[in-house]
Amino acid sequence: MARTANYEEKIAKIEAKIAKKQAELKKLKAELAELNEQKAKTDYKELLEFMKKENMSPSAVLETLKK
């Protein structure tokens, strides 16, 4: 005798897995955004320190980069 499939139960399980993965993805995206923001702040601070050390203005840095 063939077994009958309980499609509703299978669908519900897969939908639950999808919801869980979406929540994990949302959390990871938030973590990534935070890390990118921290990196940008660190890079900016490093740039400002370099400019101060080299006694360079923002326009002087831009001019150097354009060359």
Protein backbone atom coordinates (compact mmCIF):
# COMPACT_ATOMS: atom_id res chain seq x y z
CA MET A 1 0.00 0.00 0.00
CA ALA A 2 1.36 3.42 -0.92
CA ARG A 3 1.92 5.93 1.84
CA THR A 4 0.07 9.20 1.57
CA ALA A 5 2.19 12.29 1.86
CA ASN A 6 1.27 14.95 4.35
CA TYR A 7 1.98 17.93 2.14
CA GLU A 8 0.71 20.51 4.61
CA GLU A 9 3.16 19.31 7.25
CA LYS A 10 6.07 19.23 4.78
CA ILE A 11 5.20 22.71 3.50
CA ALA A 12 5.02 24.06 7.05
CA LYS A 13 8.43 22.58 7.91
CA ILE A 14 10.04 24.10 4.83
CA GLU A 15 8.41 27.48 5.47
CA ALA A 16 9.74 27.38 9.05
CA LYS A 17 13.23 26.63 7.76
CA ILE A 18 12.98 29.52 5.29
CA ALA A 19 11.84 31.91 8.03
CA LYS A 20 14.73 30.80 10.26
CA LYS A 21 17.28 31.30 7.46
CA GLN A 22 15.81 34.72 6.63
CA ALA A 23 16.20 35.77 10.27
CA GLU A 24 19.79 34.53 10.27
CA LEU A 25 20.48 36.38 7.02
CA LYS A 26 19.00 39.60 8.42
CA LYS A 27 21.22 39.28 11.50
CA LEU A 28 24.31 38.65 9.36
CA LYS A 29 23.53 41.64 7.13
CA ALA A 30 23.23 43.87 10.20
CA GLU A 31 26.54 42.53 11.53
CA LEU A 32 28.18 43.14 8.15
CA ALA A 33 26.88 46.70 8.00
CA GLU A 34 28.23 47.38 11.50
CA LEU A 35 31.65 45.98 10.61
CA ASN A 36 31.76 48.01 7.39
CA GLU A 37 30.91 51.14 9.36
CA GLN A 38 33.62 50.43 11.93
CA LYS A 39 36.15 49.80 9.15
CA ALA A 40 35.24 53.06 7.43
CA LYS A 41 35.67 54.97 10.70
CA THR A 42 39.05 53.32 11.30
CA ASP A 43 40.19 54.06 7.75
CA TYR A 44 39.06 57.68 8.04
CA LYS A 45 40.87 58.09 11.36
CA GLU A 46 44.01 56.60 9.82
CA LEU A 47 43.74 59.00 6.89
CA LEU A 48 43.34 62.01 9.19
CA GLU A 49 46.35 60.92 11.25
CA PHE A 50 48.42 60.55 8.08
CA MET A 51 47.36 63.97 6.84
CA LYS A 52 48.26 65.53 10.18
CA LYS A 53 51.63 63.74 10.29
CA GLU A 54 52.46 64.82 6.74
CA ASN A 55 50.99 68.29 7.30
CA MET A 56 48.66 67.89 4.33
CA SER A 57 45.31 69.51 3.70
CA PRO A 58 42.42 67.60 2.14
CA SER A 59 42.93 69.51 -1.11
CA ALA A 60 46.62 68.54 -1.16
CA VAL A 61 45.69 64.90 -0.70
CA LEU A 62 43.15 65.09 -3.52
CA GLU A 63 45.69 66.75 -5.78
CA THR A 64 48.21 63.99 -5.02
CA LEU A 65 45.63 61.30 -5.75
CA LYS A 66 44.70 62.88 -9.07
CA LYS A 67 48.28 62.67 -10.33
